[in-house]
N, C-alpha and C. Protein backbone atom coordinates (compact mmCIF):
# COMPACT_ATOMS: atom_id res chain seq x y z
N MET A 1 -49.88 -139.38 -26.34
CA MET A 1 -50.91 -139.54 -25.34
C MET A 1 -52.32 -138.99 -24.60
N ASP A 2 -52.71 -139.08 -24.34
CA ASP A 2 -53.85 -138.76 -24.00
C ASP A 2 -54.63 -138.54 -22.44
N ILE A 3 -54.11 -137.46 -21.58
CA ILE A 3 -54.26 -136.90 -20.81
C ILE A 3 -55.77 -136.24 -20.26
N GLY A 4 -56.55 -137.93 -19.57
CA GLY A 4 -58.13 -137.65 -19.74
C GLY A 4 -58.32 -136.98 -18.16
N GLY A 5 -58.94 -136.31 -18.03
CA GLY A 5 -60.07 -137.20 -16.29
C GLY A 5 -59.41 -137.02 -15.30
N ARG A 6 -59.80 -139.03 -15.04
CA ARG A 6 -59.11 -140.49 -14.41
C ARG A 6 -58.26 -140.77 -14.36
N THR A 7 -57.22 -140.71 -15.91
CA THR A 7 -56.39 -142.14 -16.06
C THR A 7 -55.33 -140.73 -17.22
N THR A 8 -54.38 -141.36 -17.59
CA THR A 8 -54.02 -140.86 -18.44
C THR A 8 -53.49 -141.78 -19.49
N ASP A 9 -53.46 -141.91 -20.15
CA ASP A 9 -53.00 -143.09 -21.63
C ASP A 9 -52.44 -143.74 -22.63
N ILE A 10 -51.21 -144.16 -22.45
CA ILE A 10 -50.53 -144.52 -23.37
C ILE A 10 -50.48 -145.41 -24.82
N ALA A 11 -50.21 -144.88 -25.80
CA ALA A 11 -50.34 -145.71 -26.61
C ALA A 11 -48.99 -146.07 -27.53
N THR A 12 -47.97 -146.29 -27.70
CA THR A 12 -46.99 -146.43 -28.70
C THR A 12 -47.50 -147.03 -29.81
N VAL A 13 -47.57 -146.57 -31.41
CA VAL A 13 -47.77 -147.07 -31.91
C VAL A 13 -46.41 -147.10 -33.18
N ILE A 14 -46.37 -148.06 -33.61
CA ILE A 14 -44.94 -148.36 -34.69
C ILE A 14 -46.39 -148.48 -36.03
N GLY A 15 -45.56 -147.45 -36.56
CA GLY A 15 -46.11 -147.49 -37.89
C GLY A 15 -47.05 -146.55 -38.58
N GLY A 16 -48.02 -146.81 -37.95
CA GLY A 16 -49.45 -146.40 -37.97
C GLY A 16 -50.07 -147.36 -37.94
N THR A 17 -50.25 -148.62 -37.79
CA THR A 17 -50.83 -149.25 -38.08
C THR A 17 -50.63 -150.97 -36.89
N ARG A 18 -49.03 -150.45 -35.92
CA ARG A 18 -49.40 -151.36 -34.51
C ARG A 18 -49.60 -150.57 -33.66
N ILE A 19 -49.68 -152.05 -32.24
CA ILE A 19 -49.32 -150.62 -31.01
C ILE A 19 -47.76 -151.74 -30.13
N ASP A 20 -47.31 -150.90 -29.54
CA ASP A 20 -46.26 -151.71 -29.16
C ASP A 20 -46.65 -151.93 -27.70
N HIS A 21 -47.51 -153.21 -27.24
CA HIS A 21 -47.62 -152.70 -26.03
C HIS A 21 -46.88 -153.40 -24.98
N ALA A 22 -45.98 -153.66 -25.10
CA ALA A 22 -44.85 -153.36 -23.74
C ALA A 22 -44.83 -151.81 -23.63
N ARG A 23 -44.62 -150.57 -24.43
CA ARG A 23 -44.87 -149.71 -24.15
C ARG A 23 -45.72 -148.73 -23.98
N SER A 24 -46.70 -149.46 -24.02
CA SER A 24 -47.97 -148.88 -24.05
C SER A 24 -49.12 -149.10 -22.62
N GLY A 25 -49.97 -148.19 -21.73
CA GLY A 25 -50.45 -148.55 -20.95
C GLY A 25 -51.11 -147.36 -20.34
N THR A 26 -51.79 -147.27 -18.95
CA THR A 26 -52.56 -146.47 -18.39
C THR A 26 -52.03 -146.23 -16.85
N ALA A 27 -51.92 -145.21 -17.13
CA ALA A 27 -51.49 -144.90 -15.21
C ALA A 27 -53.09 -143.43 -15.05
N ASN A 28 -52.88 -143.70 -13.37
CA ASN A 28 -54.53 -143.81 -12.91
C ASN A 28 -53.35 -141.83 -12.12
N ILE A 29 -53.17 -141.10 -13.33
CA ILE A 29 -53.49 -139.58 -12.69
C ILE A 29 -53.73 -139.05 -14.44
N GLY A 30 -54.59 -138.24 -13.87
CA GLY A 30 -55.42 -137.09 -13.97
C GLY A 30 -55.42 -135.20 -13.42
N VAL A 31 -56.24 -135.05 -15.04
CA VAL A 31 -57.03 -133.74 -14.40
C VAL A 31 -57.88 -133.11 -12.84
N LEU A 32 -59.12 -134.46 -12.83
CA LEU A 32 -59.37 -134.22 -11.58
C LEU A 32 -58.67 -134.39 -10.47
N ASP A 33 -57.11 -135.03 -10.88
CA ASP A 33 -56.16 -134.85 -9.64
C ASP A 33 -56.06 -133.68 -8.93
N VAL A 34 -55.42 -133.15 -10.04
CA VAL A 34 -55.28 -131.79 -9.60
C VAL A 34 -56.50 -130.93 -9.69
N TYR A 35 -57.83 -130.68 -9.86
CA TYR A 35 -58.87 -130.47 -9.43
C TYR A 35 -59.12 -130.77 -7.83
N LYS A 36 -58.86 -131.85 -7.11
CA LYS A 36 -59.17 -132.20 -5.86
C LYS A 36 -57.49 -131.41 -5.14
N ALA A 37 -56.58 -131.73 -5.49
CA ALA A 37 -55.81 -130.74 -5.11
C ALA A 37 -55.39 -129.47 -5.11
N VAL A 38 -55.78 -129.10 -5.95
CA VAL A 38 -56.37 -127.61 -6.13
C VAL A 38 -57.08 -127.03 -4.75
N LYS A 39 -58.72 -127.70 -4.71
CA LYS A 39 -59.44 -128.09 -3.29
C LYS A 39 -59.19 -128.09 -2.31
N GLN A 40 -57.91 -129.31 -2.22
CA GLN A 40 -57.16 -128.98 -1.12
C GLN A 40 -56.62 -128.06 -0.82
N GLY A 41 -56.37 -127.63 -1.57
CA GLY A 41 -55.35 -125.97 -1.48
C GLY A 41 -55.72 -125.00 -0.88
N ILE A 42 -57.08 -124.69 -1.27
CA ILE A 42 -57.65 -123.63 -1.25
C ILE A 42 -58.84 -123.88 0.23
N TRP A 43 -58.99 -124.87 0.57
CA TRP A 43 -59.15 -124.52 2.05
C TRP A 43 -58.41 -125.03 2.91
N ALA A 44 -56.49 -125.19 2.38
CA ALA A 44 -55.27 -125.06 3.84
C ALA A 44 -55.81 -123.81 3.99
N GLN A 45 -55.61 -122.94 3.21
CA GLN A 45 -54.83 -121.24 2.51
C GLN A 45 -56.81 -120.55 3.35
N GLU A 46 -57.51 -121.27 2.88
CA GLU A 46 -58.61 -120.11 3.69
C GLU A 46 -59.61 -120.79 4.81
N LYS A 47 -58.56 -121.91 5.68
CA LYS A 47 -59.26 -122.73 6.38
C LYS A 47 -60.62 -122.95 6.17
N ILE A 48 -61.80 -123.20 5.00
CA ILE A 48 -62.33 -123.92 5.35
C ILE A 48 -62.82 -125.37 4.66
N ARG A 49 -63.78 -125.79 4.54
CA ARG A 49 -64.28 -127.63 3.85
C ARG A 49 -65.58 -127.04 3.39
N ASP A 50 -66.17 -126.13 2.70
CA ASP A 50 -66.68 -125.90 1.83
C ASP A 50 -66.60 -126.87 0.91
N GLU A 51 -67.20 -127.24 -0.15
CA GLU A 51 -67.81 -127.98 -1.27
C GLU A 51 -67.44 -127.59 -2.15
N PHE A 52 -67.17 -127.21 -3.12
CA PHE A 52 -67.02 -126.42 -4.81
C PHE A 52 -67.67 -127.12 -5.86
N PRO A 53 -69.01 -126.66 -7.14
CA PRO A 53 -68.63 -128.23 -7.63
C PRO A 53 -67.87 -127.86 -8.64
N ILE A 54 -68.22 -128.86 -9.65
CA ILE A 54 -66.72 -128.78 -10.59
C ILE A 54 -66.19 -127.80 -11.63
N ASN A 55 -67.56 -127.28 -11.56
CA ASN A 55 -67.11 -126.12 -12.72
C ASN A 55 -66.43 -124.54 -12.06
N VAL A 56 -66.79 -124.50 -10.82
CA VAL A 56 -65.76 -123.51 -10.07
C VAL A 56 -64.26 -123.64 -9.78
N ILE A 57 -64.35 -124.84 -9.41
CA ILE A 57 -62.63 -125.03 -8.96
C ILE A 57 -62.19 -126.23 -10.94
N ASP A 58 -63.12 -125.59 -11.68
CA ASP A 58 -62.57 -125.72 -13.29
C ASP A 58 -61.37 -124.74 -13.66
N LYS A 59 -62.80 -124.11 -13.54
CA LYS A 59 -62.37 -122.09 -13.18
C LYS A 59 -61.53 -121.19 -12.82
N ALA A 60 -61.46 -121.91 -10.88
CA ALA A 60 -60.30 -121.47 -10.62
C ALA A 60 -59.14 -122.39 -11.29
N VAL A 61 -58.98 -123.53 -11.16
CA VAL A 61 -57.92 -123.84 -12.14
C VAL A 61 -57.63 -122.86 -13.52
N ARG A 62 -58.04 -122.62 -14.21
CA ARG A 62 -57.96 -122.34 -15.48
C ARG A 62 -57.69 -120.57 -15.20
N THR A 63 -57.85 -119.62 -14.52
CA THR A 63 -58.18 -118.69 -14.62
C THR A 63 -57.31 -118.26 -12.77
N GLY A 64 -57.50 -118.43 -12.36
CA GLY A 64 -56.09 -118.64 -10.86
C GLY A 64 -57.53 -117.96 -9.99
N THR A 65 -58.26 -117.73 -9.82
CA THR A 65 -59.16 -116.65 -9.08
C THR A 65 -60.39 -117.98 -8.86
N ILE A 66 -60.64 -117.84 -7.83
CA ILE A 66 -62.33 -118.25 -6.88
C ILE A 66 -63.14 -117.04 -6.44
N LYS A 67 -64.43 -117.41 -6.21
CA LYS A 67 -65.07 -116.21 -5.83
C LYS A 67 -65.62 -117.55 -4.24
N LEU A 68 -64.54 -115.97 -3.07
CA LEU A 68 -64.94 -116.80 -1.87
C LEU A 68 -65.56 -115.64 -1.34
N TYR A 69 -66.32 -115.35 -0.31
CA TYR A 69 -67.37 -114.52 0.86
C TYR A 69 -68.01 -113.73 -0.61
N GLY A 70 -68.44 -113.23 -1.21
CA GLY A 70 -68.70 -112.72 -2.35
C GLY A 70 -67.35 -112.17 -3.20
N ASP A 71 -66.34 -111.85 -3.34
CA ASP A 71 -65.24 -111.37 -3.40
C ASP A 71 -64.16 -112.48 -4.60
N GLU A 72 -63.44 -111.76 -5.07
CA GLU A 72 -62.89 -113.10 -6.35
C GLU A 72 -61.46 -113.26 -5.79
N MET A 73 -60.52 -114.48 -5.71
CA MET A 73 -59.63 -114.58 -4.61
C MET A 73 -58.41 -115.43 -5.61
N ASP A 74 -57.40 -114.63 -5.21
CA ASP A 74 -56.58 -114.99 -6.48
C ASP A 74 -55.60 -116.39 -5.42
N VAL A 75 -55.87 -117.32 -6.50
CA VAL A 75 -55.39 -119.12 -5.99
C VAL A 75 -54.40 -119.44 -6.96
N SER A 76 -53.98 -118.65 -7.35
CA SER A 76 -52.76 -118.62 -9.43
C SER A 76 -51.52 -119.07 -8.42
N LYS A 77 -51.27 -119.13 -6.97
CA LYS A 77 -50.16 -120.09 -6.39
C LYS A 77 -49.45 -120.81 -6.20
N ILE A 78 -51.35 -121.78 -5.52
CA ILE A 78 -52.15 -123.25 -5.40
C ILE A 78 -51.30 -122.80 -6.54
N VAL A 79 -52.42 -123.00 -7.60
CA VAL A 79 -52.58 -123.89 -8.78
C VAL A 79 -51.71 -123.31 -10.06
N ASP A 80 -50.78 -123.59 -9.70
CA ASP A 80 -49.30 -123.60 -10.04
C ASP A 80 -48.29 -124.54 -9.87
N GLU A 81 -48.50 -124.15 -8.04
CA GLU A 81 -48.03 -125.35 -7.42
C GLU A 81 -48.23 -126.58 -7.31
N VAL A 82 -49.19 -127.26 -8.07
CA VAL A 82 -50.11 -128.24 -7.91
C VAL A 82 -50.17 -128.51 -9.07
N LYS A 83 -50.52 -127.57 -10.57
CA LYS A 83 -49.66 -128.01 -12.02
C LYS A 83 -48.59 -128.46 -11.90
N SER A 84 -47.19 -128.03 -11.29
CA SER A 84 -45.98 -128.15 -11.77
C SER A 84 -45.76 -129.40 -10.65
N GLU A 85 -46.03 -129.91 -9.46
CA GLU A 85 -46.41 -131.50 -8.71
C GLU A 85 -47.07 -131.94 -9.55
N TYR A 86 -48.17 -132.52 -10.20
CA TYR A 86 -48.70 -133.45 -11.42
C TYR A 86 -48.07 -133.30 -12.58
N LEU A 87 -48.50 -131.85 -13.09
CA LEU A 87 -46.51 -131.84 -14.44
C LEU A 87 -45.73 -133.49 -14.03
N ALA A 88 -44.76 -133.47 -13.61
CA ALA A 88 -43.33 -134.19 -12.95
C ALA A 88 -44.13 -135.35 -12.96
N LYS A 89 -45.27 -135.42 -12.22
CA LYS A 89 -45.62 -136.92 -11.89
C LYS A 89 -45.85 -137.23 -12.71
N LEU A 90 -46.97 -136.65 -14.31
CA LEU A 90 -46.22 -136.83 -15.97
C LEU A 90 -45.76 -137.39 -16.38
N LYS A 91 -45.11 -136.87 -15.70
CA LYS A 91 -44.45 -137.52 -17.08
C LYS A 91 -43.23 -138.16 -16.70
N ARG A 92 -43.16 -138.72 -15.31
CA ARG A 92 -42.61 -139.76 -14.80
C ARG A 92 -42.62 -140.71 -15.05
N GLU A 93 -44.87 -140.49 -14.80
CA GLU A 93 -45.11 -142.30 -15.30
C GLU A 93 -45.13 -142.53 -16.73
N ILE A 94 -45.41 -141.44 -17.62
CA ILE A 94 -44.96 -141.38 -19.51
C ILE A 94 -43.78 -141.83 -19.42
N GLU A 95 -42.38 -141.77 -18.75
CA GLU A 95 -41.85 -142.04 -18.84
C GLU A 95 -40.77 -143.74 -18.48
N ARG A 96 -41.77 -144.03 -17.65
CA ARG A 96 -41.41 -145.16 -16.91
C ARG A 96 -42.41 -145.92 -17.81
N GLN A 97 -42.97 -145.43 -19.23
CA GLN A 97 -43.62 -146.20 -19.85
C GLN A 97 -42.21 -146.10 -21.40
N ILE A 98 -41.82 -145.47 -21.86
CA ILE A 98 -41.39 -145.00 -23.25
C ILE A 98 -39.96 -143.93 -22.88
N SER A 99 -39.28 -144.19 -21.87
CA SER A 99 -38.21 -143.23 -21.32
C SER A 99 -37.92 -141.71 -21.97
N THR A 100 -37.53 -141.66 -22.40
CA THR A 100 -36.97 -140.53 -23.34
C THR A 100 -37.40 -140.02 -24.67
N ALA A 101 -38.13 -141.59 -25.31
CA ALA A 101 -38.96 -141.36 -26.46
C ALA A 101 -37.77 -140.88 -27.72
N ALA A 102 -36.46 -141.28 -27.47
CA ALA A 102 -35.82 -140.55 -27.74
C ALA A 102 -36.22 -141.85 -29.15
N ALA A 103 -36.19 -142.80 -29.09
CA ALA A 103 -36.42 -143.69 -30.69
C ALA A 103 -37.55 -143.28 -31.71
N MET A 104 -38.56 -143.09 -30.76
CA MET A 104 -39.83 -142.46 -31.33
C MET A 104 -40.05 -140.57 -32.80
N ASN A 105 -40.56 -141.21 -33.81
CA ASN A 105 -41.22 -139.82 -34.58
C ASN A 105 -41.30 -138.23 -33.73
N ARG A 106 -42.27 -138.80 -32.80
CA ARG A 106 -43.18 -137.88 -31.71
C ARG A 106 -43.90 -137.97 -31.08
N VAL A 107 -43.90 -137.91 -29.16
CA VAL A 107 -45.12 -138.08 -29.06
C VAL A 107 -45.99 -137.32 -28.85
N VAL A 108 -47.58 -136.95 -29.08
CA VAL A 108 -49.22 -136.62 -28.95
C VAL A 108 -49.31 -136.41 -28.06
N PHE A 109 -49.80 -135.05 -27.76
CA PHE A 109 -50.91 -135.20 -26.74
C PHE A 109 -51.83 -134.68 -26.45
N VAL A 110 -53.01 -135.17 -26.66
CA VAL A 110 -53.88 -134.86 -26.48
C VAL A 110 -54.96 -135.01 -25.06
N GLY A 111 -56.69 -135.10 -25.77
CA GLY A 111 -57.28 -135.55 -24.23
C GLY A 111 -57.33 -133.34 -23.51
N GLY A 112 -58.40 -133.31 -22.34
CA GLY A 112 -58.50 -132.27 -21.61
C GLY A 112 -57.26 -131.54 -20.55
N GLY A 113 -56.75 -133.25 -20.52
CA GLY A 113 -55.06 -132.52 -19.75
C GLY A 113 -54.21 -131.82 -20.37
N SER A 114 -54.77 -132.14 -21.62
CA SER A 114 -53.13 -131.76 -22.34
C SER A 114 -53.78 -130.21 -22.70
N ALA A 115 -54.73 -129.88 -22.66
CA ALA A 115 -54.83 -127.92 -22.21
C ALA A 115 -54.19 -127.97 -21.07
N LEU A 116 -54.72 -128.13 -20.09
CA LEU A 116 -54.24 -127.61 -19.28
C LEU A 116 -52.79 -128.28 -19.03
N PHE A 117 -52.17 -128.54 -19.48
CA PHE A 117 -50.82 -128.35 -19.07
C PHE A 117 -50.29 -128.21 -20.26
N THR A 118 -49.90 -127.15 -20.41
CA THR A 118 -49.56 -127.04 -21.95
C THR A 118 -48.28 -127.03 -22.04
N ASP A 119 -47.45 -127.00 -20.87
CA ASP A 119 -45.69 -127.19 -20.78
C ASP A 119 -45.85 -128.75 -21.14
N ILE A 120 -45.92 -129.11 -20.91
CA ILE A 120 -46.13 -131.02 -21.43
C ILE A 120 -45.47 -131.01 -22.66
N ALA A 121 -45.95 -130.55 -23.66
CA ALA A 121 -44.79 -131.18 -24.78
C ALA A 121 -43.98 -131.29 -24.65
N GLY A 122 -43.38 -129.73 -23.89
CA GLY A 122 -42.13 -129.15 -23.98
C GLY A 122 -41.30 -130.45 -22.86
N THR A 123 -41.26 -131.27 -22.09
CA THR A 123 -40.73 -132.09 -21.31
C THR A 123 -40.09 -133.20 -21.98
N PHE A 124 -40.58 -132.37 -23.63
CA PHE A 124 -40.18 -134.32 -24.39
C PHE A 124 -39.44 -132.78 -25.43
N ARG A 125 -38.35 -133.43 -25.85
CA ARG A 125 -37.78 -133.68 -27.25
C ARG A 125 -38.65 -133.45 -28.44
N ASN A 126 -39.24 -134.20 -28.32
CA ASN A 126 -39.91 -134.78 -29.25
C ASN A 126 -42.30 -134.29 -29.37
N GLY A 127 -41.44 -133.89 -28.63
CA GLY A 127 -42.82 -133.67 -27.60
C GLY A 127 -43.73 -132.75 -28.60
N TYR A 128 -45.82 -132.41 -28.67
CA TYR A 128 -46.33 -131.83 -30.28
C TYR A 128 -48.27 -131.67 -29.28
N VAL A 129 -48.33 -131.35 -28.74
CA VAL A 129 -50.07 -131.03 -28.51
C VAL A 129 -50.40 -131.07 -29.42
N SER A 130 -51.34 -131.79 -29.38
CA SER A 130 -51.99 -131.81 -31.61
C SER A 130 -53.44 -130.72 -30.77
N PRO A 131 -53.69 -129.87 -31.45
CA PRO A 131 -53.96 -128.28 -32.07
C PRO A 131 -55.77 -128.69 -31.39
N ASP A 132 -55.95 -128.33 -30.71
CA ASP A 132 -57.60 -128.76 -29.95
C ASP A 132 -57.26 -129.46 -29.42
N PRO A 133 -57.24 -130.09 -28.27
CA PRO A 133 -56.51 -132.00 -27.95
C PRO A 133 -57.45 -131.73 -27.13
N GLU A 134 -58.53 -131.21 -26.61
CA GLU A 134 -59.50 -132.44 -26.07
C GLU A 134 -60.70 -132.40 -26.55
N PHE A 135 -60.36 -132.24 -27.91
CA PHE A 135 -61.23 -132.51 -28.96
C PHE A 135 -60.94 -133.04 -30.47
N ALA A 136 -59.44 -134.01 -29.88
CA ALA A 136 -58.77 -135.09 -30.65
C ALA A 136 -58.88 -135.97 -30.81
N ASN A 137 -59.26 -137.32 -29.75
CA ASN A 137 -59.23 -137.85 -29.81
C ASN A 137 -61.16 -137.94 -30.47
N ALA A 138 -62.07 -136.94 -30.66
CA ALA A 138 -63.27 -136.76 -31.02
C ALA A 138 -63.08 -137.22 -32.68
N ARG A 139 -61.74 -136.32 -33.18
CA ARG A 139 -61.99 -135.97 -34.58
C ARG A 139 -61.10 -137.53 -34.75
N GLY A 140 -60.05 -138.38 -34.62
CA GLY A 140 -59.28 -139.18 -34.74
C GLY A 140 -60.40 -140.21 -34.67
N LEU A 141 -61.61 -140.71 -34.40
CA LEU A 141 -63.01 -141.70 -34.00
C LEU A 141 -63.17 -141.67 -35.13
N TYR A 142 -63.82 -139.74 -35.69
CA TYR A 142 -64.83 -139.33 -36.98
C TYR A 142 -64.10 -139.93 -38.16
N LYS A 143 -62.38 -139.51 -38.52
CA LYS A 143 -61.96 -140.13 -39.10
C LYS A 143 -60.73 -141.49 -39.52
N HIS A 144 -60.95 -142.32 -38.47
CA HIS A 144 -61.64 -143.48 -38.64
C HIS A 144 -62.83 -144.59 -38.47
N ALA A 145 -63.76 -143.69 -38.54
CA ALA A 145 -65.43 -144.35 -38.78
C ALA A 145 -65.49 -143.92 -40.01
N ARG A 146 -64.77 -142.68 -40.75
CA ARG A 146 -64.49 -142.43 -42.32
C ARG A 146 -64.16 -143.45 -42.60
N TYR A 147 -62.66 -144.02 -42.79
CA TYR A 147 -61.79 -144.52 -43.33
C TYR A 147 -62.54 -146.10 -43.62
N HIS A 148 -62.80 -146.62 -42.34
CA HIS A 148 -64.12 -147.48 -42.37
C HIS A 148 -64.75 -147.54 -42.83
N SER A 149 -66.36 -146.82 -42.99
CA SER A 149 -67.06 -146.90 -43.57
C SER A 149 -66.82 -146.53 -45.35
N GLN A 150 -65.92 -145.74 -46.32
CA GLN A 150 -65.45 -146.22 -47.46
C GLN A 150 -64.22 -147.88 -47.60
N ALA A 151 -64.35 -147.95 -47.01
CA ALA A 151 -63.44 -149.56 -47.57
C ALA A 151 -64.40 -150.85 -47.50
């Protein structure tokens, strides 16, 4: 499961060499959806419509605070509610492709969204978040290229 900015890509690998296309796919849900919902929650709570740079919303999502009118404001309740809502949506989309994953050895989560949704692996009995999930794809591509250059 690669939870990215705009999408979540699901690849079911059989025996380390083949893709099960029937249990693979892409769901149109990602971290940017969370950012948008958090921004809208802040707008509603504070009765504002100011656009925020993505780094400001990213900080709000990661820390639960945002600086408005020169003061740090607690938005952790908004962030927690949004993350909980999108965690449930992600789980439903993943289960739509792989069900409960009981027949699988492991459900591996990578991508920036895996760092944001730290509880996602716990929603599957055999769930696992890759160490440093934001760079797991880059490490995998490097290993793949190194393997093929030696062949």
